Amino acid sequence: MFTQSNSEIYIPDGSDPAEALARTTHLCIAAHQDDIEIMAVEGILRTYERSDVHFTGCVVTDGRGSPRAGKFANVSDDEMAQIRVEEQKKAARIGKYSAQVFLGYPSAEVKKAGNQALKEDLKNLIRQTRPEILYTHNLADKHNTHVGVLMRVLEALRELEPEALPKQLIGCEVWRNLDWMPDEKKVIMDVSANKELQTQLVDVFVSQVQGGKNYTDAILGRRAANATFFASHATDKATGLSFGMDMTPLMKDKELDPVGYVKTILEEFQENVVGVIEEMR
């Protein structure tokens, strides 16, 4: 189904792969193993143990370039790639995903504009799943590979037939918070439920959590901070929030420039900050 020799479709409940993809309602396309559980937890929580909606994850890169420390310091690239695949499969089982797709591309290939093979793989995946909501990385993420994945996703979406497009395209938080965005521009996702599941989904990535990154505390802390600091003059209505950038207009309007789109959001943020200062002095 996909072009890379190391690509794979993993089905946690053993269903037919075509059926598992076709029942997908919430799809996340992420750069790396564990990005899904960081940025698309709303979709996982919404679909968890339900029969009417289903979550599918897709990891674009092969995991060979993952940082490593501690007991993983001397693990080879090939060994690390396999470790990360197995960790991601375990997360898919814990979260009861409909399917977990591995496209298997080197990070360097993802950052190349016009990567025809990757674009066709993404188009194929989206056609097979036809999700209602598609989660991916946002335009302001500071990780180059994350932005590369987003740009390749946009290239694919802009070539798809209208009936295959999701209703909403959300760019999610990973390597930069989105709390700075004007509230009316945020996609606000309540992720207060099932903190135990959220913890398990991140803890499963032992090669990263024990290998030098305390992702579990950081991610749950970010979600809690988003909820507490969301409204300065109101009591909390949620105990966890994730913020997203609505990129649906970029999917629907092929002429809309991603640079211009994010500049508009940044300019509104600047105007808000400067406006308050001007008013107070």
C-alpha atoms as a PDB file:
ATOM      1  CA  MET A   1       0.000   0.000   0.000  1.00  0.00           C
ATOM      2  CA  PHE A   2       2.901   2.356   0.768  1.00  0.00           C
ATOM      3  CA  THR A   3       6.178   2.910  -1.067  1.00  0.00           C
ATOM      4  CA  GLN A   4       8.869   2.339   1.581  1.00  0.00           C
ATOM      5  CA  SER A   5      10.073  -1.236   2.115  1.00  0.00           C
ATOM      6  CA  ASN A   6       9.911  -0.729   5.897  1.00  0.00           C
ATOM      7  CA  SER A   7       6.373   0.686   5.899  1.00  0.00           C
ATOM      8  CA  GLU A   8       3.802  -1.185   7.993  1.00  0.00           C
ATOM      9  CA  ILE A   9       0.162  -1.115   9.044  1.00  0.00           C
ATOM     10  CA  TYR A  10      -0.369  -2.450  12.566  1.00  0.00           C
ATOM     11  CA  ILE A  11      -3.898  -3.328  13.693  1.00  0.00           C
ATOM     12  CA  PRO A  12      -4.132  -3.717  17.496  1.00  0.00           C
ATOM     13  CA  ASP A  13      -7.371  -5.726  17.478  1.00  0.00           C
ATOM     14  CA  GLY A  14      -6.408  -7.921  14.518  1.00  0.00           C
ATOM     15  CA  SER A  15      -9.087  -6.579  12.161  1.00  0.00           C
ATOM     16  CA  ASP A  16      -8.666  -6.481   8.412  1.00  0.00           C
ATOM     17  CA  PRO A  17      -6.343  -3.532   7.630  1.00  0.00           C
ATOM     18  CA  ALA A  18      -8.634  -2.058   4.984  1.00  0.00           C
ATOM     19  CA  GLU A  19     -11.569  -2.222   7.398  1.00  0.00           C
ATOM     20  CA  ALA A  20      -9.526  -0.709  10.242  1.00  0.00           C
ATOM     21  CA  LEU A  21      -8.459   2.225   8.065  1.00  0.00           C
ATOM     22  CA  ALA A  22     -11.931   2.747   6.604  1.00  0.00           C
ATOM     23  CA  ARG A  23     -13.612   3.048  10.019  1.00  0.00           C
ATOM     24  CA  THR A  24     -11.239   5.834  11.070  1.00  0.00           C
ATOM     25  CA  THR A  25     -12.897   9.100  12.114  1.00  0.00           C
ATOM     26  CA  HIS A  26      -9.886  10.770  13.774  1.00  0.00           C
ATOM     27  CA  LEU A  27      -6.468  10.580  12.099  1.00  0.00           C
ATOM     28  CA  CYS A  28      -3.130  11.910  13.344  1.00  0.00           C
ATOM     29  CA  ILE A  29      -0.168  12.256  10.981  1.00  0.00           C
ATOM     30  CA  ALA A  30       2.974  12.853  13.031  1.00  0.00           C
ATOM     31  CA  ALA A  31       6.680  13.084  12.393  1.00  0.00           C
ATOM     32  CA  HIS A  32       7.953  10.786  15.127  1.00  0.00           C
ATOM     33  CA  GLN A  33       6.987   7.975  17.459  1.00  0.00           C
ATOM     34  CA  ASP A  34       5.392   9.562  20.585  1.00  0.00           C
ATOM     35  CA  ASP A  35       4.346  12.776  18.774  1.00  0.00           C
ATOM     36  CA  ILE A  36       0.867  11.286  18.336  1.00  0.00           C
ATOM     37  CA  GLU A  37       0.362  10.822  22.065  1.00  0.00           C
ATOM     38  CA  ILE A  38       1.637  14.340  22.770  1.00  0.00           C
ATOM     39  CA  MET A  39      -0.399  16.280  20.247  1.00  0.00           C
ATOM     40  CA  ALA A  40      -3.509  14.261  19.350  1.00  0.00           C
ATOM     41  CA  VAL A  41      -4.606  13.034  22.763  1.00  0.00           C
ATOM     42  CA  GLU A  42      -8.008  14.678  22.229  1.00  0.00           C
ATOM     43  CA  GLY A  43      -8.689  12.285  19.370  1.00  0.00           C
ATOM     44  CA  ILE A  44      -7.497   9.308  21.401  1.00  0.00           C
ATOM     45  CA  LEU A  45      -9.715  10.272  24.352  1.00  0.00           C
ATOM     46  CA  ARG A  46     -12.734  10.940  22.139  1.00  0.00           C
ATOM     47  CA  THR A  47     -12.574   7.512  20.544  1.00  0.00           C
ATOM     48  CA  TYR A  48     -11.310   5.395  23.435  1.00  0.00           C
ATOM     49  CA  GLU A  49     -13.407   2.235  23.945  1.00  0.00           C
ATOM     50  CA  ARG A  50     -16.138   3.470  21.594  1.00  0.00           C
ATOM     51  CA  SER A  51     -17.572   1.604  18.633  1.00  0.00           C
ATOM     52  CA  ASP A  52     -18.900   4.575  16.667  1.00  0.00           C
ATOM     53  CA  VAL A  53     -15.671   6.584  16.310  1.00  0.00           C
ATOM     54  CA  HIS A  54     -12.120   5.344  15.776  1.00  0.00           C
ATOM     55  CA  PHE A  55      -8.592   6.784  16.006  1.00  0.00           C
ATOM     56  CA  THR A  56      -5.707   5.970  13.673  1.00  0.00           C
ATOM     57  CA  GLY A  57      -2.132   7.165  14.075  1.00  0.00           C
ATOM     58  CA  CYS A  58       0.507   7.556  11.385  1.00  0.00           C
ATOM     59  CA  VAL A  59       4.240   8.060  12.006  1.00  0.00           C
ATOM     60  CA  VAL A  60       6.080   9.387   8.957  1.00  0.00           C
ATOM     61  CA  THR A  61       9.753   8.943   9.928  1.00  0.00           C
ATOM     62  CA  ASP A  62      11.628   5.733  10.715  1.00  0.00           C
ATOM     63  CA  GLY A  63      12.937   6.652  14.194  1.00  0.00           C
ATOM     64  CA  ARG A  64      16.581   6.043  13.302  1.00  0.00           C
ATOM     65  CA  GLY A  65      17.627   9.570  14.243  1.00  0.00           C
ATOM     66  CA  SER A  66      16.100   9.528  17.732  1.00  0.00           C
ATOM     67  CA  PRO A  67      18.221  10.975  20.563  1.00  0.00           C
ATOM     68  CA  ARG A  68      19.418   8.413  23.063  1.00  0.00           C
ATOM     69  CA  ALA A  69      21.047   8.393  26.474  1.00  0.00           C
ATOM     70  CA  GLY A  70      21.420   6.217  29.567  1.00  0.00           C
ATOM     71  CA  LYS A  71      20.942   2.524  28.812  1.00  0.00           C
ATOM     72  CA  PHE A  72      20.060   3.455  25.225  1.00  0.00           C
ATOM     73  CA  ALA A  73      23.256   5.456  24.627  1.00  0.00           C
ATOM     74  CA  ASN A  74      24.975   2.733  22.600  1.00  0.00           C
ATOM     75  CA  VAL A  75      21.942   1.461  20.713  1.00  0.00           C
ATOM     76  CA  SER A  76      22.463   1.444  16.947  1.00  0.00           C
ATOM     77  CA  ASP A  77      20.220   3.314  14.526  1.00  0.00           C
ATOM     78  CA  ASP A  78      18.654   0.064  13.319  1.00  0.00           C
ATOM     79  CA  GLU A  79      18.045  -1.116  16.870  1.00  0.00           C
ATOM     80  CA  MET A  80      16.579   2.233  17.879  1.00  0.00           C
ATOM     81  CA  ALA A  81      14.228   2.214  14.891  1.00  0.00           C
ATOM     82  CA  GLN A  82      12.862  -1.169  15.959  1.00  0.00           C
ATOM     83  CA  ILE A  83      12.587  -0.136  19.612  1.00  0.00           C
ATOM     84  CA  ARG A  84      10.577   2.916  18.668  1.00  0.00           C
ATOM     85  CA  VAL A  85       8.256   0.934  16.401  1.00  0.00           C
ATOM     86  CA  GLU A  86       7.534  -1.515  19.221  1.00  0.00           C
ATOM     87  CA  GLU A  87       6.913   1.337  21.663  1.00  0.00           C
ATOM     88  CA  GLN A  88       4.483   2.940  19.224  1.00  0.00           C
ATOM     89  CA  LYS A  89       2.648  -0.345  18.743  1.00  0.00           C
ATOM     90  CA  LYS A  90       2.281  -0.675  22.501  1.00  0.00           C
ATOM     91  CA  ALA A  91       0.823   2.847  22.671  1.00  0.00           C
ATOM     92  CA  ALA A  92      -1.645   1.858  19.940  1.00  0.00           C
ATOM     93  CA  ARG A  93      -2.729  -1.134  22.022  1.00  0.00           C
ATOM     94  CA  ILE A  94      -3.062   0.924  25.203  1.00  0.00           C
ATOM     95  CA  GLY A  95      -5.045   3.647  23.417  1.00  0.00           C
ATOM     96  CA  LYS A  96      -7.107   1.081  21.479  1.00  0.00           C
ATOM     97  CA  TYR A  97      -6.317   2.684  18.107  1.00  0.00           C
ATOM     98  CA  SER A  98      -8.062   1.365  15.048  1.00  0.00           C
ATOM     99  CA  ALA A  99      -4.736   1.259  13.204  1.00  0.00           C
ATOM    100  CA  GLN A 100      -1.152   2.436  13.524  1.00  0.00           C
ATOM    101  CA  VAL A 101       0.652   3.236  10.274  1.00  0.00           C
ATOM    102  CA  PHE A 102       4.432   3.479   9.865  1.00  0.00           C
ATOM    103  CA  LEU A 103       5.541   5.124   6.608  1.00  0.00           C
ATOM    104  CA  GLY A 104       9.251   4.608   7.337  1.00  0.00           C
ATOM    105  CA  TYR A 105      10.874   7.687   5.763  1.00  0.00           C
ATOM    106  CA  PRO A 106      14.268   9.079   6.850  1.00  0.00           C
ATOM    107  CA  SER A 107      13.881  12.527   8.440  1.00  0.00           C
ATOM    108  CA  ALA A 108      15.957  14.140   5.683  1.00  0.00           C
ATOM    109  CA  GLU A 109      13.464  12.943   3.054  1.00  0.00           C
ATOM    110  CA  VAL A 110      10.515  14.457   4.923  1.00  0.00           C
ATOM    111  CA  LYS A 111      12.024  17.933   4.802  1.00  0.00           C
ATOM    112  CA  LYS A 112      12.335  17.929   1.011  1.00  0.00           C
ATOM    113  CA  ALA A 113       9.623  19.901  -0.800  1.00  0.00           C
ATOM    114  CA  GLY A 114       8.024  17.989  -3.637  1.00  0.00           C
ATOM    115  CA  ASN A 115       8.792  14.513  -2.269  1.00  0.00           C
ATOM    116  CA  GLN A 116       6.485  12.710  -4.672  1.00  0.00           C
ATOM    117  CA  ALA A 117       6.602   9.294  -2.989  1.00  0.00           C
ATOM    118  CA  LEU A 118       5.712  10.711   0.424  1.00  0.00           C
ATOM    119  CA  LYS A 119       2.977  12.872  -1.030  1.00  0.00           C
ATOM    120  CA  GLU A 120       1.409   9.868  -2.747  1.00  0.00           C
ATOM    121  CA  ASP A 121       1.648   7.789   0.444  1.00  0.00           C
ATOM    122  CA  LEU A 122      -0.119  10.533   2.399  1.00  0.00           C
ATOM    123  CA  LYS A 123      -2.801  10.906  -0.268  1.00  0.00           C
ATOM    124  CA  ASN A 124      -3.330   7.154  -0.207  1.00  0.00           C
ATOM    125  CA  LEU A 125      -3.614   7.107   3.590  1.00  0.00           C
ATOM    126  CA  ILE A 126      -6.112   9.963   3.695  1.00  0.00           C
ATOM    127  CA  ARG A 127      -8.190   8.382   0.926  1.00  0.00           C
ATOM    128  CA  GLN A 128      -8.238   5.074   2.817  1.00  0.00           C
ATOM    129  CA  THR A 129      -9.271   6.681   6.110  1.00  0.00           C
ATOM    130  CA  ARG A 130     -11.335   9.731   5.086  1.00  0.00           C
ATOM    131  CA  PRO A 131     -11.220  11.116   8.641  1.00  0.00           C
ATOM    132  CA  GLU A 132     -13.533  13.766   9.996  1.00  0.00           C
ATOM    133  CA  ILE A 133     -10.630  15.374  11.874  1.00  0.00           C
ATOM    134  CA  LEU A 134      -6.966  15.298  10.893  1.00  0.00           C
ATOM    135  CA  TYR A 135      -4.381  16.247  13.537  1.00  0.00           C
ATOM    136  CA  THR A 136      -0.837  17.132  12.508  1.00  0.00           C
ATOM    137  CA  HIS A 137       1.942  19.585  13.396  1.00  0.00           C
ATOM    138  CA  ASN A 138       1.416  23.347  13.390  1.00  0.00           C
ATOM    139  CA  LEU A 139       3.106  26.092  11.373  1.00  0.00           C
ATOM    140  CA  ALA A 140       4.837  27.577  14.430  1.00  0.00           C
ATOM    141  CA  ASP A 141       6.482  24.363  15.672  1.00  0.00           C
ATOM    142  CA  LYS A 142      10.231  24.858  16.151  1.00  0.00           C
ATOM    143  CA  HIS A 143      11.206  21.322  15.068  1.00  0.00           C
ATOM    144  CA  ASN A 144      12.099  21.368  11.368  1.00  0.00           C
ATOM    145  CA  THR A 145      10.952  17.802  10.727  1.00  0.00           C
ATOM    146  CA  HIS A 146       7.577  18.586  12.273  1.00  0.00           C
ATOM    147  CA  VAL A 147       7.078  21.533   9.952  1.00  0.00           C
ATOM    148  CA  GLY A 148       8.297  19.378   7.070  1.00  0.00           C
ATOM    149  CA  VAL A 149       5.599  16.794   7.805  1.00  0.00           C
ATOM    150  CA  LEU A 150       2.946  19.515   7.946  1.00  0.00           C
ATOM    151  CA  MET A 151       4.034  20.926   4.594  1.00  0.00           C
ATOM    152  CA  ARG A 152       3.967  17.474   2.980  1.00  0.00           C
ATOM    153  CA  VAL A 153       0.493  16.880   4.453  1.00  0.00           C
ATOM    154  CA  LEU A 154      -0.685  20.174   2.973  1.00  0.00           C
ATOM    155  CA  GLU A 155       0.762  19.231  -0.424  1.00  0.00           C
ATOM    156  CA  ALA A 156      -1.169  15.960  -0.302  1.00  0.00           C
ATOM    157  CA  LEU A 157      -4.434  17.517   0.863  1.00  0.00           C
ATOM    158  CA  ARG A 158      -4.341  20.130  -1.869  1.00  0.00           C
ATOM    159  CA  GLU A 159      -4.224  17.406  -4.519  1.00  0.00           C
ATOM    160  CA  LEU A 160      -7.041  15.299  -3.077  1.00  0.00           C
ATOM    161  CA  GLU A 161     -10.593  15.269  -4.355  1.00  0.00           C
ATOM    162  CA  PRO A 162     -12.982  17.287  -2.119  1.00  0.00           C
ATOM    163  CA  GLU A 163     -14.894  14.239  -0.901  1.00  0.00           C
ATOM    164  CA  ALA A 164     -11.703  12.770   0.600  1.00  0.00           C
ATOM    165  CA  LEU A 165     -10.857  15.846   2.673  1.00  0.00           C
ATOM    166  CA  PRO A 166     -11.410  15.953   6.436  1.00  0.00           C
ATOM    167  CA  LYS A 167     -13.823  18.469   7.903  1.00  0.00           C
ATOM    168  CA  GLN A 168     -11.071  20.006  10.039  1.00  0.00           C
ATOM    169  CA  LEU A 169      -7.276  20.187   9.924  1.00  0.00           C
ATOM    170  CA  ILE A 170      -5.695  20.960  13.297  1.00  0.00           C
ATOM    171  CA  GLY A 171      -2.039  21.863  13.884  1.00  0.00           C
ATOM    172  CA  CYS A 172      -1.138  20.724  17.402  1.00  0.00           C
ATOM    173  CA  GLU A 173       1.373  21.566  20.131  1.00  0.00           C
ATOM    174  CA  VAL A 174       4.620  19.653  20.437  1.00  0.00           C
ATOM    175  CA  TRP A 175       7.852  21.679  20.256  1.00  0.00           C
ATOM    176  CA  ARG A 176       6.222  25.030  20.897  1.00  0.00           C
ATOM    177  CA  ASN A 177       3.187  25.894  22.997  1.00  0.00           C
ATOM    178  CA  LEU A 178       0.287  27.678  21.329  1.00  0.00           C
ATOM    179  CA  ASP A 179      -0.924  29.561  24.397  1.00  0.00           C
ATOM    180  CA  TRP A 180       0.331  32.795  22.765  1.00  0.00           C
ATOM    181  CA  MET A 181      -2.245  32.617  19.990  1.00  0.00           C
ATOM    182  CA  PRO A 182      -5.285  34.909  20.228  1.00  0.00           C
ATOM    183  CA  ASP A 183      -8.035  32.906  21.909  1.00  0.00           C
ATOM    184  CA  GLU A 184     -10.439  33.332  19.011  1.00  0.00           C
ATOM    185  CA  LYS A 185      -7.845  31.744  16.698  1.00  0.00           C
ATOM    186  CA  LYS A 186      -7.155  28.714  18.919  1.00  0.00           C
ATOM    187  CA  VAL A 187      -8.704  25.301  18.571  1.00  0.00           C
ATOM    188  CA  ILE A 188      -9.385  24.572  22.243  1.00  0.00           C
ATOM    189  CA  MET A 189      -9.407  20.874  23.084  1.00  0.00           C
ATOM    190  CA  ASP A 190     -10.554  19.706  26.519  1.00  0.00           C
ATOM    191  CA  VAL A 191      -8.331  16.834  27.589  1.00  0.00           C
ATOM    192  CA  SER A 192      -9.345  16.687  31.237  1.00  0.00           C
ATOM    193  CA  ALA A 193     -10.473  13.065  31.113  1.00  0.00           C
ATOM    194  CA  ASN A 194      -8.584   9.895  31.935  1.00  0.00           C
ATOM    195  CA  LYS A 195      -5.246  11.227  33.186  1.00  0.00           C
ATOM    196  CA  GLU A 196      -4.134   7.665  33.909  1.00  0.00           C
ATOM    197  CA  LEU A 197      -4.472   6.764  30.231  1.00  0.00           C
ATOM    198  CA  GLN A 198      -2.668   9.955  29.213  1.00  0.00           C
ATOM    199  CA  THR A 199       0.221   9.033  31.512  1.00  0.00           C
ATOM    200  CA  GLN A 200       0.401   5.466  30.215  1.00  0.00           C
ATOM    201  CA  LEU A 201       0.460   6.664  26.602  1.00  0.00           C
ATOM    202  CA  VAL A 202       3.605   8.712  27.204  1.00  0.00           C
ATOM    203  CA  ASP A 203       5.329   6.418  29.704  1.00  0.00           C
ATOM    204  CA  VAL A 204       5.348   3.641  27.114  1.00  0.00           C
ATOM    205  CA  PHE A 205       8.110   5.442  25.187  1.00  0.00           C
ATOM    206  CA  VAL A 206      10.811   4.242  27.554  1.00  0.00           C
ATOM    207  CA  SER A 207      13.616   4.976  25.092  1.00  0.00           C
ATOM    208  CA  GLN A 208      12.772   8.670  25.312  1.00  0.00           C
ATOM    209  CA  VAL A 209      11.409   9.078  28.847  1.00  0.00           C
ATOM    210  CA  GLN A 210      14.276   7.122  30.443  1.00  0.00           C
ATOM    211  CA  GLY A 211      16.666   8.097  27.692  1.00  0.00           C
ATOM    212  CA  GLY A 212      16.889  11.734  28.731  1.00  0.00           C
ATOM    213  CA  LYS A 213      13.490  13.433  28.344  1.00  0.00           C
ATOM    214  CA  ASN A 214      10.861  13.698  31.098  1.00  0.00           C
ATOM    215  CA  TYR A 215       8.031  13.991  28.599  1.00  0.00           C
ATOM    216  CA  THR A 216       5.362  12.658  30.959  1.00  0.00           C
ATOM    217  CA  ASP A 217       5.582  15.443  33.542  1.00  0.00           C
ATOM    218  CA  ALA A 218       6.138  18.081  30.872  1.00  0.00           C
ATOM    219  CA  ILE A 219       3.139  17.124  28.752  1.00  0.00           C
ATOM    220  CA  LEU A 220       0.671  16.693  31.597  1.00  0.00           C
ATOM    221  CA  GLY A 221       2.022  19.918  33.109  1.00  0.00           C
ATOM    222  CA  ARG A 222       1.515  21.807  29.853  1.00  0.00           C
ATOM    223  CA  ARG A 223      -2.087  20.619  29.608  1.00  0.00           C
ATOM    224  CA  ALA A 224      -2.752  21.608  33.220  1.00  0.00           C
ATOM    225  CA  ALA A 225      -1.085  25.009  32.719  1.00  0.00           C
ATOM    226  CA  ASN A 226      -3.107  25.641  29.572  1.00  0.00           C
ATOM    227  CA  ALA A 227      -6.302  25.059  31.559  1.00  0.00           C
ATOM    228  CA  THR A 228      -5.319  27.172  34.563  1.00  0.00           C
ATOM    229  CA  PHE A 229      -3.875  30.122  32.657  1.00  0.00           C
ATOM    230  CA  PHE A 230      -6.478  30.158  29.887  1.00  0.00           C
ATOM    231  CA  ALA A 231      -8.790  32.730  31.506  1.00  0.00           C
ATOM    232  CA  SER A 232      -7.379  35.214  34.026  1.00  0.00           C
ATOM    233  CA  HIS A 233     -10.743  36.335  35.417  1.00  0.00           C
ATOM    234  CA  ALA A 234     -12.585  33.039  35.616  1.00  0.00           C
ATOM    235  CA  THR A 235     -12.349  29.801  37.550  1.00  0.00           C
ATOM    236  CA  ASP A 236     -11.080  26.760  35.682  1.00  0.00           C
ATOM    237  CA  LYS A 237     -13.625  24.894  33.583  1.00  0.00           C
ATOM    238  CA  ALA A 238     -11.182  22.127  32.685  1.00  0.00           C
ATOM    239  CA  THR A 239      -8.198  20.462  34.300  1.00  0.00           C
ATOM    240  CA  GLY A 240      -6.408  19.928  31.014  1.00  0.00           C
ATOM    241  CA  LEU A 241      -6.420  21.750  27.680  1.00  0.00           C
ATOM    242  CA  SER A 242      -4.516  21.273  24.454  1.00  0.00           C
ATOM    243  CA  PHE A 243      -4.399  24.109  21.952  1.00  0.00           C
ATOM    244  CA  GLY A 244      -4.388  23.797  18.205  1.00  0.00           C
ATOM    245  CA  MET A 245      -4.000  26.040  15.178  1.00  0.00           C
ATOM    246  CA  ASP A 246      -6.933  25.734  12.782  1.00  0.00           C
ATOM    247  CA  MET A 247      -5.351  25.095   9.399  1.00  0.00           C
ATOM    248  CA  THR A 248      -8.561  24.100   7.626  1.00  0.00           C
ATOM    249  CA  PRO A 249      -8.465  27.235   5.431  1.00  0.00           C
ATOM    250  CA  LEU A 250      -5.049  26.175   4.091  1.00  0.00           C
ATOM    251  CA  MET A 251      -6.513  22.838   3.083  1.00  0.00           C
ATOM    252  CA  LYS A 252      -9.564  24.288   1.366  1.00  0.00           C
ATOM    253  CA  ASP A 253      -7.904  27.247  -0.379  1.00  0.00           C
ATOM    254  CA  LYS A 254      -4.989  26.062  -2.517  1.00  0.00           C
ATOM    255  CA  GLU A 255      -3.906  29.647  -3.158  1.00  0.00           C
ATOM    256  CA  LEU A 256      -3.647  30.571   0.517  1.00  0.00           C
ATOM    257  CA  ASP A 257       0.025  30.985   1.407  1.00  0.00           C
ATOM    258  CA  PRO A 258       1.067  29.197   4.660  1.00  0.00           C
ATOM    259  CA  VAL A 259       3.615  31.954   5.362  1.00  0.00           C
ATOM    260  CA  GLY A 260       1.016  34.667   4.978  1.00  0.00           C
ATOM    261  CA  TYR A 261      -1.457  32.681   7.054  1.00  0.00           C
ATOM    262  CA  VAL A 262       0.839  32.308  10.056  1.00  0.00           C
ATOM    263  CA  LYS A 263       2.073  35.902   9.702  1.00  0.00           C
ATOM    264  CA  THR A 264      -1.497  37.099  10.160  1.00  0.00           C
ATOM    265  CA  ILE A 265      -1.756  35.173  13.437  1.00  0.00           C
ATOM    266  CA  LEU A 266       1.616  36.491  14.620  1.00  0.00           C
ATOM    267  CA  GLU A 267       0.643  40.050  13.736  1.00  0.00           C
ATOM    268  CA  GLU A 268      -2.586  39.748  15.708  1.00  0.00           C
ATOM    269  CA  PHE A 269      -0.602  38.473  18.701  1.00  0.00           C
ATOM    270  CA  GLN A 270       1.742  41.448  18.378  1.00  0.00           C
ATOM    271  CA  GLU A 271      -1.166  43.880  18.165  1.00  0.00           C
ATOM    272  CA  ASN A 272      -2.765  42.373  21.279  1.00  0.00           C
ATOM    273  CA  VAL A 273       0.430  42.663  23.324  1.00  0.00           C
ATOM    274  CA  VAL A 274       1.306  46.157  22.144  1.00  0.00           C
ATOM    275  CA  GLY A 275      -2.309  47.287  22.551  1.00  0.00           C
ATOM    276  CA  VAL A 276      -2.395  46.390  26.225  1.00  0.00           C
ATOM    277  CA  ILE A 277       0.903  48.156  26.869  1.00  0.00           C
ATOM    278  CA  GLU A 278      -0.284  51.271  25.063  1.00  0.00           C
ATOM    279  CA  GLU A 279      -3.517  51.268  27.063  1.00  0.00           C
ATOM    280  CA  MET A 280      -1.713  50.919  30.406  1.00  0.00           C
ATOM    281  CA  ARG A 281       0.933  53.592  30.007  1.00  0.00           C
END
